[in-house]
Protein backbone atom coordinates (compact mmCIF):
# COMPACT_ATOMS: atom_id res chain seq x y z
CA MET A 1 118.04 121.01 96.64
CA LEU A 2 114.62 119.79 95.49
CA GLN A 3 115.86 119.58 91.90
CA ALA A 4 117.64 116.34 92.80
CA TYR A 5 114.23 114.75 93.42
CA LEU A 6 112.77 115.84 90.09
CA PRO A 7 113.65 112.57 88.28
CA LEU A 8 112.00 110.59 91.05
CA LEU A 9 108.88 112.72 90.80
CA ILE A 10 108.76 112.24 87.02
CA LEU A 11 109.22 108.48 87.44
CA PHE A 12 106.45 108.36 90.06
CA VAL A 13 104.07 110.33 87.83
CA PHE A 14 104.79 108.08 84.86
CA ALA A 15 104.29 104.93 86.97
CA VAL A 16 100.92 106.20 88.25
CA LEU A 17 99.81 107.21 84.76
CA ILE A 18 100.80 103.86 83.28
CA GLY A 19 98.98 102.07 86.09
CA PHE A 20 95.78 104.01 85.44
CA LEU A 21 96.20 103.50 81.70
CA VAL A 22 96.54 99.74 82.01
CA VAL A 23 93.46 99.51 84.24
CA ALA A 24 91.45 101.72 81.89
CA ILE A 25 92.47 99.66 78.82
CA GLY A 26 91.51 96.48 80.62
CA HIS A 27 88.17 97.93 81.55
CA VAL A 28 87.43 99.14 78.03
CA PHE A 29 88.59 96.02 76.16
CA GLY A 30 87.86 93.44 78.87
CA PRO A 31 85.04 90.90 78.77
CA LYS A 32 81.62 92.47 79.23
CA ARG A 33 79.43 89.39 79.45
CA PRO A 34 81.09 86.72 81.57
CA THR A 35 79.76 83.20 81.13
CA ALA A 36 80.42 80.04 83.08
CA ARG A 37 82.75 78.84 80.32
CA LYS A 38 84.71 82.09 80.32
CA ALA A 39 84.93 82.16 84.12
CA ALA A 40 86.21 78.55 84.33
CA PRO A 41 89.89 78.26 85.26
CA TYR A 42 92.28 77.00 82.61
CA GLU A 43 94.66 74.33 83.89
CA SER A 44 96.93 73.23 81.07
CA GLY A 45 94.01 72.17 78.89
CA MET A 46 92.59 69.86 81.52
CA VAL A 47 89.11 70.12 82.93
CA PRO A 48 89.47 71.37 86.52
CA TYR A 49 88.13 69.19 89.28
CA GLY A 50 87.11 70.15 92.81
CA PRO A 51 86.28 73.57 94.14
CA GLY A 52 88.29 76.57 93.03
CA THR A 53 88.93 77.68 96.60
CA ARG A 54 90.74 75.14 98.71
CA ARG A 55 92.06 75.45 102.23
CA ILE A 56 95.80 75.83 102.28
CA SER A 57 97.90 74.99 105.28
CA VAL A 58 99.32 77.83 107.33
CA ARG A 59 102.73 76.22 106.89
CA TYR A 60 102.65 77.17 103.22
CA TYR A 61 102.32 80.85 104.13
CA LEU A 62 104.95 80.55 106.82
CA VAL A 63 107.47 79.06 104.41
CA ALA A 64 106.60 81.74 101.85
CA VAL A 65 107.14 84.57 104.37
CA LEU A 66 110.41 83.05 105.53
CA PHE A 67 111.57 82.75 101.92
CA ILE A 68 110.72 86.39 101.21
CA LEU A 69 112.43 87.50 104.43
CA PHE A 70 115.71 85.71 103.71
CA ASP A 71 115.53 86.60 100.03
CA ILE A 72 115.34 90.29 100.87
CA GLU A 73 118.21 89.94 103.31
CA THR A 74 120.35 88.74 100.42
CA ILE A 75 119.96 92.18 98.89
CA PHE A 76 121.47 93.71 102.01
CA PHE A 77 124.50 91.43 101.66
CA LEU A 78 125.02 92.63 98.10
CA LEU A 79 124.79 96.30 99.08
CA TRP A 80 127.10 95.71 102.01
CA ALA A 81 129.67 94.02 99.76
CA VAL A 82 129.63 97.03 97.42
CA VAL A 83 130.47 99.53 100.16
CA LEU A 84 132.60 97.29 102.40
CA ARG A 85 135.84 99.22 101.86
CA ASP A 86 134.16 102.51 102.82
CA LEU A 87 132.65 101.03 105.98
CA GLY A 88 135.85 99.51 107.26
CA VAL A 89 135.98 97.36 110.38
CA PHE A 90 132.78 98.92 111.77
CA GLY A 91 130.82 97.70 108.75
CA LEU A 92 132.33 94.24 109.04
CA VAL A 93 131.33 93.94 112.71
CA GLU A 94 127.86 95.26 112.01
CA MET A 95 127.35 92.74 109.20
CA PHE A 96 128.46 89.90 111.45
CA LEU A 97 125.91 91.07 114.04
CA PHE A 98 123.27 91.20 111.31
CA MET A 99 124.18 87.69 110.11
CA GLY A 100 124.06 86.45 113.69
CA THR A 101 120.54 87.85 114.09
CA LEU A 102 119.51 86.11 110.88
CA ALA A 103 121.10 82.86 112.03
CA ILE A 104 119.23 83.01 115.34
CA GLY A 105 115.95 83.58 113.47
CA LEU A 106 116.69 80.67 111.11
CA ILE A 107 117.57 78.36 113.99
CA TYR A 108 114.39 79.37 115.84
CA ALA A 109 112.24 78.64 112.77
CA TRP A 110 114.05 75.33 112.26
CA LYS A 111 113.56 74.25 115.90
CA LYS A 112 109.85 75.19 115.76
CA GLY A 113 109.44 72.96 112.68
CA ALA A 114 108.54 75.84 110.36
CA LEU A 115 110.74 74.45 107.62
CA GLU A 116 109.26 70.92 107.72
CA TRP A 117 107.05 70.11 104.77
CA GLU A 118 104.52 67.31 105.15
């Protein structure tokens, strides 16, 4: 029974090894003596102005989280569409309940003004 998980274990080991390898290569070949010129941000060839750390509105993060949330839900729709025939009417009803929950969340965010950009 555990033999079915062997490919996943191998993939996990390779992913961890590649991660450590990339970090080690970056450490070995990375810059050793940072200077102000090397540490300066590069913005399309233009000299940056203002501080590097600026305050960003909470609305930006809220919109980003909502985008990620609804983007991930799209994946569930795709998976549901693939197995719809196997699920039958029960799967159809459950997906409508799921879509209703998403719609209620979207309406709530809309009414609270989370989608307004100033």
